[in-house]
Amino acid sequence: MKSVKIVDAKGLACPMPIVRTKKGMGELRSGEVLEVHATDKGAKNDLVAWANSTGHQLLADEEVDGVFKFWIKKG
């Protein structure tokens, strides 16, 4: 999936993946996609809830070798 920006939140515990994601989203225009990489197991629930509460859309997620990858479309 094509993303405009990648946020590296690997090795960070909650709430830092959300903090980094929020900062990254602030640099995008509506409709652009942010890719987030995290290793915190709680990141999926946190990012889904955050995206829903802020008007963004989680397009996809996957786990590869312990790294959770998320693609979030800016609302």
PDB file of N, CA and C in Angstrom:
ATOM      1  N   MET A   1       0.846  -1.179   0.000  1.00  0.00           N
ATOM      2  CA  MET A   1       0.000   0.000   0.000  1.00  0.00           C
ATOM      3  C   MET A   1       0.891   1.243   0.000  1.00  0.00           C
ATOM      4  N   LYS A   2       0.534   2.214  -0.797  1.00  0.00           N
ATOM      5  CA  LYS A   2       1.349   3.422  -0.933  1.00  0.00           C
ATOM      6  C   LYS A   2       1.028   4.408   0.191  1.00  0.00           C
ATOM      7  N   SER A   3       2.089   4.863   0.853  1.00  0.00           N
ATOM      8  CA  SER A   3       1.924   5.851   1.916  1.00  0.00           C
ATOM      9  C   SER A   3       2.787   7.069   1.597  1.00  0.00           C
ATOM     10  N   VAL A   4       2.373   8.209   2.117  1.00  0.00           N
ATOM     11  CA  VAL A   4       3.090   9.460   1.896  1.00  0.00           C
ATOM     12  C   VAL A   4       4.236   9.598   2.900  1.00  0.00           C
ATOM     13  N   LYS A   5       4.031   9.065   4.101  1.00  0.00           N
ATOM     14  CA  LYS A   5       4.998   9.209   5.183  1.00  0.00           C
ATOM     15  C   LYS A   5       4.991   7.943   6.027  1.00  0.00           C
ATOM     16  N   ILE A   6       6.155   7.599   6.602  1.00  0.00           N
ATOM     17  CA  ILE A   6       6.269   6.460   7.513  1.00  0.00           C
ATOM     18  C   ILE A   6       6.684   6.977   8.882  1.00  0.00           C
ATOM     19  N   VAL A   7       5.961   6.528   9.911  1.00  0.00           N
ATOM     20  CA  VAL A   7       6.298   6.858  11.292  1.00  0.00           C
ATOM     21  C   VAL A   7       6.907   5.614  11.930  1.00  0.00           C
ATOM     22  N   ASP A   8       8.114   5.754  12.469  1.00  0.00           N
ATOM     23  CA  ASP A   8       8.790   4.645  13.138  1.00  0.00           C
ATOM     24  C   ASP A   8       8.580   4.776  14.642  1.00  0.00           C
ATOM     25  N   ALA A   9       7.718   3.920  15.188  1.00  0.00           N
ATOM     26  CA  ALA A   9       7.449   3.920  16.625  1.00  0.00           C
ATOM     27  C   ALA A   9       7.902   2.599  17.249  1.00  0.00           C
ATOM     28  N   LYS A  10       8.833   1.909  16.571  1.00  0.00           N
ATOM     29  CA  LYS A  10       9.327   0.627  17.081  1.00  0.00           C
ATOM     30  C   LYS A  10      10.097   0.860  18.384  1.00  0.00           C
ATOM     31  N   GLY A  11       9.867  -0.033  19.350  1.00  0.00           N
ATOM     32  CA  GLY A  11      10.557   0.056  20.628  1.00  0.00           C
ATOM     33  C   GLY A  11       9.926   1.032  21.611  1.00  0.00           C
ATOM     34  N   LEU A  12       8.853   1.688  21.207  1.00  0.00           N
ATOM     35  CA  LEU A  12       8.193   2.658  22.082  1.00  0.00           C
ATOM     36  C   LEU A  12       6.951   2.055  22.714  1.00  0.00           C
ATOM     37  N   ALA A  13       6.727   2.376  23.994  1.00  0.00           N
ATOM     38  CA  ALA A  13       5.544   1.896  24.704  1.00  0.00           C
ATOM     39  C   ALA A  13       4.457   2.957  24.659  1.00  0.00           C
ATOM     40  N   CYS A  14       3.250   2.526  24.949  1.00  0.00           N
ATOM     41  CA  CYS A  14       2.102   3.419  25.007  1.00  0.00           C
ATOM     42  C   CYS A  14       2.409   4.569  25.980  1.00  0.00           C
ATOM     43  N   PRO A  15       2.093   5.773  25.640  1.00  0.00           N
ATOM     44  CA  PRO A  15       1.293   6.271  24.526  1.00  0.00           C
ATOM     45  C   PRO A  15       2.120   6.786  23.355  1.00  0.00           C
ATOM     46  N   MET A  16       3.418   6.525  23.331  1.00  0.00           N
ATOM     47  CA  MET A  16       4.287   7.131  22.318  1.00  0.00           C
ATOM     48  C   MET A  16       3.938   6.782  20.872  1.00  0.00           C
ATOM     49  N   PRO A  17       3.507   5.549  20.538  1.00  0.00           N
ATOM     50  CA  PRO A  17       3.104   5.313  19.143  1.00  0.00           C
ATOM     51  C   PRO A  17       1.972   6.245  18.705  1.00  0.00           C
ATOM     52  N   ILE A  18       1.029   6.530  19.609  1.00  0.00           N
ATOM     53  CA  ILE A  18      -0.075   7.442  19.285  1.00  0.00           C
ATOM     54  C   ILE A  18       0.455   8.873  19.141  1.00  0.00           C
ATOM     55  N   VAL A  19       1.341   9.264  20.024  1.00  0.00           N
ATOM     56  CA  VAL A  19       1.919  10.619  19.962  1.00  0.00           C
ATOM     57  C   VAL A  19       2.639  10.823  18.630  1.00  0.00           C
ATOM     58  N   ARG A  20       3.442   9.843  18.235  1.00  0.00           N
ATOM     59  CA  ARG A  20       4.170   9.939  16.960  1.00  0.00           C
ATOM     60  C   ARG A  20       3.207   9.922  15.774  1.00  0.00           C
ATOM     61  N   THR A  21       2.163   9.089  15.871  1.00  0.00           N
ATOM     62  CA  THR A  21       1.173   9.018  14.789  1.00  0.00           C
ATOM     63  C   THR A  21       0.448  10.346  14.640  1.00  0.00           C
ATOM     64  N   LYS A  22       0.051  10.926  15.755  1.00  0.00           N
ATOM     65  CA  LYS A  22      -0.646  12.218  15.722  1.00  0.00           C
ATOM     66  C   LYS A  22       0.236  13.289  15.083  1.00  0.00           C
ATOM     67  N   LYS A  23       1.517  13.305  15.438  1.00  0.00           N
ATOM     68  CA  LYS A  23       2.446  14.275  14.859  1.00  0.00           C
ATOM     69  C   LYS A  23       2.585  14.047  13.354  1.00  0.00           C
ATOM     70  N   GLY A  24       2.725  12.782  12.947  1.00  0.00           N
ATOM     71  CA  GLY A  24       2.846  12.454  11.528  1.00  0.00           C
ATOM     72  C   GLY A  24       1.608  12.842  10.743  1.00  0.00           C
ATOM     73  N   MET A  25       0.439  12.617  11.322  1.00  0.00           N
ATOM     74  CA  MET A  25      -0.824  12.972  10.656  1.00  0.00           C
ATOM     75  C   MET A  25      -0.920  14.470  10.436  1.00  0.00           C
ATOM     76  N   GLY A  26      -0.370  15.228  11.368  1.00  0.00           N
ATOM     77  CA  GLY A  26      -0.410  16.681  11.256  1.00  0.00           C
ATOM     78  C   GLY A  26       0.340  17.206  10.048  1.00  0.00           C
ATOM     79  N   GLU A  27       1.226  16.399   9.488  1.00  0.00           N
ATOM     80  CA  GLU A  27       2.028  16.794   8.337  1.00  0.00           C
ATOM     81  C   GLU A  27       1.400  16.384   7.008  1.00  0.00           C
ATOM     82  N   LEU A  28       0.252  15.695   7.063  1.00  0.00           N
ATOM     83  CA  LEU A  28      -0.404  15.206   5.843  1.00  0.00           C
ATOM     84  C   LEU A  28      -1.628  16.040   5.499  1.00  0.00           C
ATOM     85  N   ARG A  29      -2.033  15.932   4.242  1.00  0.00           N
ATOM     86  CA  ARG A  29      -3.289  16.534   3.798  1.00  0.00           C
ATOM     87  C   ARG A  29      -4.384  15.477   3.840  1.00  0.00           C
ATOM     88  N   SER A  30      -5.611  15.919   3.872  1.00  0.00           N
ATOM     89  CA  SER A  30      -6.756  15.022   3.893  1.00  0.00           C
ATOM     90  C   SER A  30      -6.684  14.051   2.713  1.00  0.00           C
ATOM     91  N   GLY A  31      -6.904  12.761   2.988  1.00  0.00           N
ATOM     92  CA  GLY A  31      -6.881  11.737   1.953  1.00  0.00           C
ATOM     93  C   GLY A  31      -5.541  11.046   1.793  1.00  0.00           C
ATOM     94  N   GLU A  32      -4.474  11.624   2.357  1.00  0.00           N
ATOM     95  CA  GLU A  32      -3.160  10.992   2.259  1.00  0.00           C
ATOM     96  C   GLU A  32      -3.039   9.882   3.306  1.00  0.00           C
ATOM     97  N   VAL A  33      -2.106   8.952   3.063  1.00  0.00           N
ATOM     98  CA  VAL A  33      -1.970   7.769   3.910  1.00  0.00           C
ATOM     99  C   VAL A  33      -0.660   7.810   4.681  1.00  0.00           C
ATOM    100  N   LEU A  34      -0.779   7.540   5.985  1.00  0.00           N
ATOM    101  CA  LEU A  34       0.371   7.456   6.881  1.00  0.00           C
ATOM    102  C   LEU A  34       0.611   5.990   7.206  1.00  0.00           C
ATOM    103  N   GLU A  35       1.859   5.562   7.147  1.00  0.00           N
ATOM    104  CA  GLU A  35       2.234   4.197   7.522  1.00  0.00           C
ATOM    105  C   GLU A  35       2.934   4.263   8.876  1.00  0.00           C
ATOM    106  N   VAL A  36       2.491   3.440   9.807  1.00  0.00           N
ATOM    107  CA  VAL A  36       3.050   3.432  11.162  1.00  0.00           C
ATOM    108  C   VAL A  36       3.638   2.055  11.445  1.00  0.00           C
ATOM    109  N   HIS A  37       4.876   2.017  11.972  1.00  0.00           N
ATOM    110  CA  HIS A  37       5.515   0.775  12.382  1.00  0.00           C
ATOM    111  C   HIS A  37       5.671   0.816  13.900  1.00  0.00           C
ATOM    112  N   ALA A  38       5.199  -0.220  14.593  1.00  0.00           N
ATOM    113  CA  ALA A  38       5.285  -0.274  16.047  1.00  0.00           C
ATOM    114  C   ALA A  38       5.552  -1.702  16.498  1.00  0.00           C
ATOM    115  N   THR A  39       6.121  -1.842  17.685  1.00  0.00           N
ATOM    116  CA  THR A  39       6.357  -3.169  18.261  1.00  0.00           C
ATOM    117  C   THR A  39       5.519  -3.392  19.517  1.00  0.00           C
ATOM    118  N   ASP A  40       4.866  -2.361  20.013  1.00  0.00           N
ATOM    119  CA  ASP A  40       4.011  -2.468  21.197  1.00  0.00           C
ATOM    120  C   ASP A  40       2.747  -3.252  20.831  1.00  0.00           C
ATOM    121  N   LYS A  41       2.497  -4.357  21.546  1.00  0.00           N
ATOM    122  CA  LYS A  41       1.348  -5.207  21.228  1.00  0.00           C
ATOM    123  C   LYS A  41       0.014  -4.480  21.376  1.00  0.00           C
ATOM    124  N   GLY A  42      -0.047  -3.460  22.211  1.00  0.00           N
ATOM    125  CA  GLY A  42      -1.283  -2.702  22.400  1.00  0.00           C
ATOM    126  C   GLY A  42      -1.523  -1.665  21.327  1.00  0.00           C
ATOM    127  N   ALA A  43      -0.569  -1.502  20.419  1.00  0.00           N
ATOM    128  CA  ALA A  43      -0.670  -0.454  19.396  1.00  0.00           C
ATOM    129  C   ALA A  43      -1.894  -0.634  18.503  1.00  0.00           C
ATOM    130  N   LYS A  44      -2.246  -1.872  18.185  1.00  0.00           N
ATOM    131  CA  LYS A  44      -3.385  -2.073  17.277  1.00  0.00           C
ATOM    132  C   LYS A  44      -4.667  -1.522  17.888  1.00  0.00           C
ATOM    133  N   ASN A  45      -4.974  -1.937  19.111  1.00  0.00           N
ATOM    134  CA  ASN A  45      -6.191  -1.428  19.752  1.00  0.00           C
ATOM    135  C   ASN A  45      -6.136   0.083  19.904  1.00  0.00           C
ATOM    136  N   ASP A  46      -4.967   0.589  20.301  1.00  0.00           N
ATOM    137  CA  ASP A  46      -4.817   2.032  20.507  1.00  0.00           C
ATOM    138  C   ASP A  46      -5.007   2.803  19.207  1.00  0.00           C
ATOM    139  N   LEU A  47      -4.385   2.344  18.129  1.00  0.00           N
ATOM    140  CA  LEU A  47      -4.475   3.064  16.860  1.00  0.00           C
ATOM    141  C   LEU A  47      -5.866   2.974  16.236  1.00  0.00           C
ATOM    142  N   VAL A  48      -6.527   1.839  16.390  1.00  0.00           N
ATOM    143  CA  VAL A  48      -7.899   1.710  15.884  1.00  0.00           C
ATOM    144  C   VAL A  48      -8.808   2.701  16.613  1.00  0.00           C
ATOM    145  N   ALA A  49      -8.709   2.726  17.938  1.00  0.00           N
ATOM    146  CA  ALA A  49      -9.543   3.639  18.732  1.00  0.00           C
ATOM    147  C   ALA A  49      -9.215   5.089  18.408  1.00  0.00           C
ATOM    148  N   TRP A  50      -7.929   5.398  18.285  1.00  0.00           N
ATOM    149  CA  TRP A  50      -7.515   6.770  17.982  1.00  0.00           C
ATOM    150  C   TRP A  50      -8.032   7.206  16.618  1.00  0.00           C
ATOM    151  N   ALA A  51      -7.870   6.351  15.609  1.00  0.00           N
ATOM    152  CA  ALA A  51      -8.325   6.686  14.259  1.00  0.00           C
ATOM    153  C   ALA A  51      -9.833   6.940  14.247  1.00  0.00           C
ATOM    154  N   ASN A  52     -10.583   6.079  14.905  1.00  0.00           N
ATOM    155  CA  ASN A  52     -12.035   6.232  14.943  1.00  0.00           C
ATOM    156  C   ASN A  52     -12.458   7.513  15.652  1.00  0.00           C
ATOM    157  N   SER A  53     -11.756   7.873  16.713  1.00  0.00           N
ATOM    158  CA  SER A  53     -12.153   9.048  17.502  1.00  0.00           C
ATOM    159  C   SER A  53     -11.707  10.359  16.865  1.00  0.00           C
ATOM    160  N   THR A  54     -10.794  10.295  15.898  1.00  0.00           N
ATOM    161  CA  THR A  54     -10.273  11.522  15.287  1.00  0.00           C
ATOM    162  C   THR A  54     -10.710  11.707  13.836  1.00  0.00           C
ATOM    163  N   GLY A  55     -11.538  10.794  13.319  1.00  0.00           N
ATOM    164  CA  GLY A  55     -12.054  10.943  11.971  1.00  0.00           C
ATOM    165  C   GLY A  55     -11.151  10.418  10.873  1.00  0.00           C
ATOM    166  N   HIS A  56     -10.127   9.646  11.251  1.00  0.00           N
ATOM    167  CA  HIS A  56      -9.240   9.022  10.270  1.00  0.00           C
ATOM    168  C   HIS A  56      -9.694   7.581  10.039  1.00  0.00           C
ATOM    169  N   GLN A  57      -9.137   6.922   9.034  1.00  0.00           N
ATOM    170  CA  GLN A  57      -9.577   5.571   8.690  1.00  0.00           C
ATOM    171  C   GLN A  57      -8.385   4.624   8.656  1.00  0.00           C
ATOM    172  N   LEU A  58      -8.434   3.566   9.468  1.00  0.00           N
ATOM    173  CA  LEU A  58      -7.425   2.518   9.419  1.00  0.00           C
ATOM    174  C   LEU A  58      -7.729   1.659   8.201  1.00  0.00           C
ATOM    175  N   LEU A  59      -6.861   1.721   7.199  1.00  0.00           N
ATOM    176  CA  LEU A  59      -7.098   1.006   5.946  1.00  0.00           C
ATOM    177  C   LEU A  59      -6.678  -0.451   6.025  1.00  0.00           C
ATOM    178  N   ALA A  60      -5.536  -0.702   6.692  1.00  0.00           N
ATOM    179  CA  ALA A  60      -5.013  -2.062   6.761  1.00  0.00           C
ATOM    180  C   ALA A  60      -3.993  -2.149   7.888  1.00  0.00           C
ATOM    181  N   ASP A  61      -3.751  -3.378   8.329  1.00  0.00           N
ATOM    182  CA  ASP A  61      -2.680  -3.618   9.284  1.00  0.00           C
ATOM    183  C   ASP A  61      -2.156  -5.023   9.074  1.00  0.00           C
ATOM    184  N   GLU A  62      -0.898  -5.217   9.467  1.00  0.00           N
ATOM    185  CA  GLU A  62      -0.282  -6.537   9.364  1.00  0.00           C
ATOM    186  C   GLU A  62       0.847  -6.626  10.376  1.00  0.00           C
ATOM    187  N   GLU A  63       1.251  -7.855  10.683  1.00  0.00           N
ATOM    188  CA  GLU A  63       2.389  -8.078  11.561  1.00  0.00           C
ATOM    189  C   GLU A  63       3.440  -8.850  10.779  1.00  0.00           C
ATOM    190  N   VAL A  64       4.664  -8.335  10.776  1.00  0.00           N
ATOM    191  CA  VAL A  64       5.766  -8.990  10.084  1.00  0.00           C
ATOM    192  C   VAL A  64       6.957  -9.029  11.041  1.00  0.00           C
ATOM    193  N   ASP A  65       7.348 -10.238  11.459  1.00  0.00           N
ATOM    194  CA  ASP A  65       8.498 -10.432  12.347  1.00  0.00           C
ATOM    195  C   ASP A  65       8.428  -9.557  13.596  1.00  0.00           C
ATOM    196  N   GLY A  66       7.255  -9.509  14.227  1.00  0.00           N
ATOM    197  CA  GLY A  66       7.094  -8.762  15.468  1.00  0.00           C
ATOM    198  C   GLY A  66       6.897  -7.267  15.306  1.00  0.00           C
ATOM    199  N   VAL A  67       6.839  -6.803  14.057  1.00  0.00           N
ATOM    200  CA  VAL A  67       6.584  -5.380  13.808  1.00  0.00           C
ATOM    201  C   VAL A  67       5.163  -5.252  13.264  1.00  0.00           C
ATOM    202  N   PHE A  68       4.380  -4.434  13.942  1.00  0.00           N
ATOM    203  CA  PHE A  68       3.012  -4.168  13.512  1.00  0.00           C
ATOM    204  C   PHE A  68       3.035  -2.974  12.576  1.00  0.00           C
ATOM    205  N   LYS A  69       2.423  -3.134  11.410  1.00  0.00           N
ATOM    206  CA  LYS A  69       2.377  -2.063  10.417  1.00  0.00           C
ATOM    207  C   LYS A  69       0.925  -1.665  10.201  1.00  0.00           C
ATOM    208  N   PHE A  70       0.696  -0.348  10.156  1.00  0.00           N
ATOM    209  CA  PHE A  70      -0.647   0.178  10.002  1.00  0.00           C
ATOM    210  C   PHE A  70      -0.642   1.224   8.900  1.00  0.00           C
ATOM    211  N   TRP A  71      -1.720   1.266   8.140  1.00  0.00           N
ATOM    212  CA  TRP A  71      -1.907   2.299   7.103  1.00  0.00           C
ATOM    213  C   TRP A  71      -3.164   3.050   7.471  1.00  0.00           C
ATOM    214  N   ILE A  72      -2.996   4.348   7.737  1.00  0.00           N
ATOM    215  CA  ILE A  72      -4.111   5.171   8.200  1.00  0.00           C
ATOM    216  C   ILE A  72      -4.297   6.328   7.226  1.00  0.00           C
ATOM    217  N   LYS A  73      -5.534   6.462   6.739  1.00  0.00           N
ATOM    218  CA  LYS A  73      -5.888   7.528   5.810  1.00  0.00           C
ATOM    219  C   LYS A  73      -6.407   8.725   6.602  1.00  0.00           C
ATOM    220  N   LYS A  74      -5.821   9.875   6.320  1.00  0.00           N
ATOM    221  CA  LYS A  74      -6.225  11.090   7.027  1.00  0.00           C
ATOM    222  C   LYS A  74      -7.619  11.520   6.582  1.00  0.00           C
ATOM    223  N   GLY A  75      -8.465  11.823   7.566  1.00  0.00           N
ATOM    224  CA  GLY A  75      -9.836  12.239   7.306  1.00  0.00           C
ATOM    225  C   GLY A  75      -9.932  13.695   6.923  1.00  0.00           C
TER     226      GLY A  75
END
